[in-house]
Amino acid sequence: MTSIPIEPIRAVGASAVAPAASLFHSLSDPARVAILQHLTLGEHRVRDLAEHLGLAQSTVSAHLACLKDCGLVLSARRPGVALFS
């Protein structure tokens, strides 16, 4: 039986995997996944998401910040309100 040569695994720097780690972190919380599901239906205010999910507005805001940081959520300012999609 002949063996197939296996290439050694190269070390990958932390900066190369940071975007993937951020994405996986953002999807690791069930509340954030639920927020993403709601946002597939259209734009929502923090207040609406909090009401739908039974979470405090501050909790929803923190989750949205995490999702926004990794590029999964966009926000738009309208007079007196921020909408997330």
C-alpha atoms as a PDB file:
ATOM      1  CA  MET A   1       0.000   0.000   0.000  1.00  0.00           C
ATOM      2  CA  THR A   2       1.377   3.389  -0.929  1.00  0.00           C
ATOM      3  CA  SER A   3       0.916   6.396   1.241  1.00  0.00           C
ATOM      4  CA  ILE A   4      -0.130   9.795   0.012  1.00  0.00           C
ATOM      5  CA  PRO A   5       2.110  12.589   1.216  1.00  0.00           C
ATOM      6  CA  ILE A   6       0.296  15.003   3.484  1.00  0.00           C
ATOM      7  CA  GLU A   7       1.187  18.655   3.433  1.00  0.00           C
ATOM      8  CA  PRO A   8       1.965  20.124   6.837  1.00  0.00           C
ATOM      9  CA  ILE A   9      -0.654  22.465   8.226  1.00  0.00           C
ATOM     10  CA  ARG A  10       0.521  26.040   8.179  1.00  0.00           C
ATOM     11  CA  ALA A  11      -0.038  28.184  11.219  1.00  0.00           C
ATOM     12  CA  VAL A  12      -2.654  30.839  10.619  1.00  0.00           C
ATOM     13  CA  GLY A  13      -2.323  34.174  12.359  1.00  0.00           C
ATOM     14  CA  ALA A  14      -5.073  35.457  14.615  1.00  0.00           C
ATOM     15  CA  SER A  15      -5.758  38.375  12.289  1.00  0.00           C
ATOM     16  CA  ALA A  16      -6.533  35.974   9.440  1.00  0.00           C
ATOM     17  CA  VAL A  17      -9.249  34.171  11.394  1.00  0.00           C
ATOM     18  CA  ALA A  18     -10.666  37.151  13.307  1.00  0.00           C
ATOM     19  CA  PRO A  19     -13.556  37.798  10.873  1.00  0.00           C
ATOM     20  CA  ALA A  20     -14.665  34.165  11.045  1.00  0.00           C
ATOM     21  CA  ALA A  21     -14.367  34.141  14.838  1.00  0.00           C
ATOM     22  CA  SER A  22     -16.493  37.294  15.019  1.00  0.00           C
ATOM     23  CA  LEU A  23     -19.145  35.739  12.791  1.00  0.00           C
ATOM     24  CA  PHE A  24     -19.301  32.533  14.812  1.00  0.00           C
ATOM     25  CA  HIS A  25     -19.452  34.531  18.050  1.00  0.00           C
ATOM     26  CA  SER A  26     -22.376  36.570  16.742  1.00  0.00           C
ATOM     27  CA  LEU A  27     -24.286  33.411  15.828  1.00  0.00           C
ATOM     28  CA  SER A  28     -23.523  31.648  19.120  1.00  0.00           C
ATOM     29  CA  ASP A  29     -26.366  33.274  21.039  1.00  0.00           C
ATOM     30  CA  PRO A  30     -29.945  32.107  20.397  1.00  0.00           C
ATOM     31  CA  ALA A  31     -31.291  35.626  20.963  1.00  0.00           C
ATOM     32  CA  ARG A  32     -29.071  37.014  18.213  1.00  0.00           C
ATOM     33  CA  VAL A  33     -30.222  34.294  15.833  1.00  0.00           C
ATOM     34  CA  ALA A  34     -33.843  35.135  16.721  1.00  0.00           C
ATOM     35  CA  ILE A  35     -33.150  38.817  16.021  1.00  0.00           C
ATOM     36  CA  LEU A  36     -31.743  37.898  12.610  1.00  0.00           C
ATOM     37  CA  GLN A  37     -34.864  35.841  11.880  1.00  0.00           C
ATOM     38  CA  HIS A  38     -37.085  38.815  12.712  1.00  0.00           C
ATOM     39  CA  LEU A  39     -34.990  41.120  10.566  1.00  0.00           C
ATOM     40  CA  THR A  40     -35.489  38.874   7.531  1.00  0.00           C
ATOM     41  CA  LEU A  41     -39.099  40.108   7.595  1.00  0.00           C
ATOM     42  CA  GLY A  42     -38.042  43.745   7.252  1.00  0.00           C
ATOM     43  CA  GLU A  43     -36.807  46.723   9.228  1.00  0.00           C
ATOM     44  CA  HIS A  44     -37.470  46.794  12.958  1.00  0.00           C
ATOM     45  CA  ARG A  45     -36.955  49.232  15.807  1.00  0.00           C
ATOM     46  CA  VAL A  46     -35.190  48.071  18.968  1.00  0.00           C
ATOM     47  CA  ARG A  47     -38.466  48.550  20.815  1.00  0.00           C
ATOM     48  CA  ASP A  48     -40.323  46.232  18.410  1.00  0.00           C
ATOM     49  CA  LEU A  49     -37.669  43.532  18.602  1.00  0.00           C
ATOM     50  CA  ALA A  50     -37.643  43.726  22.397  1.00  0.00           C
ATOM     51  CA  GLU A  51     -41.402  43.298  22.485  1.00  0.00           C
ATOM     52  CA  HIS A  52     -41.419  40.387  20.003  1.00  0.00           C
ATOM     53  CA  LEU A  53     -38.610  38.550  21.789  1.00  0.00           C
ATOM     54  CA  GLY A  54     -39.526  39.359  25.381  1.00  0.00           C
ATOM     55  CA  LEU A  55     -36.129  40.935  26.058  1.00  0.00           C
ATOM     56  CA  ALA A  56     -35.101  44.246  27.574  1.00  0.00           C
ATOM     57  CA  GLN A  57     -34.364  47.013  25.077  1.00  0.00           C
ATOM     58  CA  SER A  58     -30.825  47.294  26.433  1.00  0.00           C
ATOM     59  CA  THR A  59     -30.263  43.585  25.791  1.00  0.00           C
ATOM     60  CA  VAL A  60     -31.558  43.863  22.230  1.00  0.00           C
ATOM     61  CA  SER A  61     -29.368  46.922  21.649  1.00  0.00           C
ATOM     62  CA  ALA A  62     -26.282  45.029  22.832  1.00  0.00           C
ATOM     63  CA  HIS A  63     -27.112  42.087  20.568  1.00  0.00           C
ATOM     64  CA  LEU A  64     -27.672  44.415  17.607  1.00  0.00           C
ATOM     65  CA  ALA A  65     -24.304  46.070  18.236  1.00  0.00           C
ATOM     66  CA  CYS A  66     -22.632  42.658  18.088  1.00  0.00           C
ATOM     67  CA  LEU A  67     -24.466  41.750  14.877  1.00  0.00           C
ATOM     68  CA  LYS A  68     -23.657  45.132  13.354  1.00  0.00           C
ATOM     69  CA  ASP A  69     -19.951  44.846  14.253  1.00  0.00           C
ATOM     70  CA  CYS A  70     -19.596  41.676  12.210  1.00  0.00           C
ATOM     71  CA  GLY A  71     -21.633  43.033   9.299  1.00  0.00           C
ATOM     72  CA  LEU A  72     -24.804  40.975   9.661  1.00  0.00           C
ATOM     73  CA  VAL A  73     -27.067  43.935  10.469  1.00  0.00           C
ATOM     74  CA  LEU A  74     -27.435  47.403   8.986  1.00  0.00           C
ATOM     75  CA  SER A  75     -28.965  50.422  10.657  1.00  0.00           C
ATOM     76  CA  ALA A  76     -30.656  53.485   9.243  1.00  0.00           C
ATOM     77  CA  ARG A  77     -31.526  56.668  11.106  1.00  0.00           C
ATOM     78  CA  ARG A  78     -34.920  58.210  10.604  1.00  0.00           C
ATOM     79  CA  PRO A  79     -36.159  61.252  12.535  1.00  0.00           C
ATOM     80  CA  GLY A  80     -36.385  60.108  16.140  1.00  0.00           C
ATOM     81  CA  VAL A  81     -35.757  56.412  15.478  1.00  0.00           C
ATOM     82  CA  ALA A  82     -33.113  53.927  14.339  1.00  0.00           C
ATOM     83  CA  LEU A  83     -34.237  51.067  12.137  1.00  0.00           C
ATOM     84  CA  PHE A  84     -32.316  47.823  11.805  1.00  0.00           C
ATOM     85  CA  SER A  85     -32.350  45.433   8.909  1.00  0.00           C
END
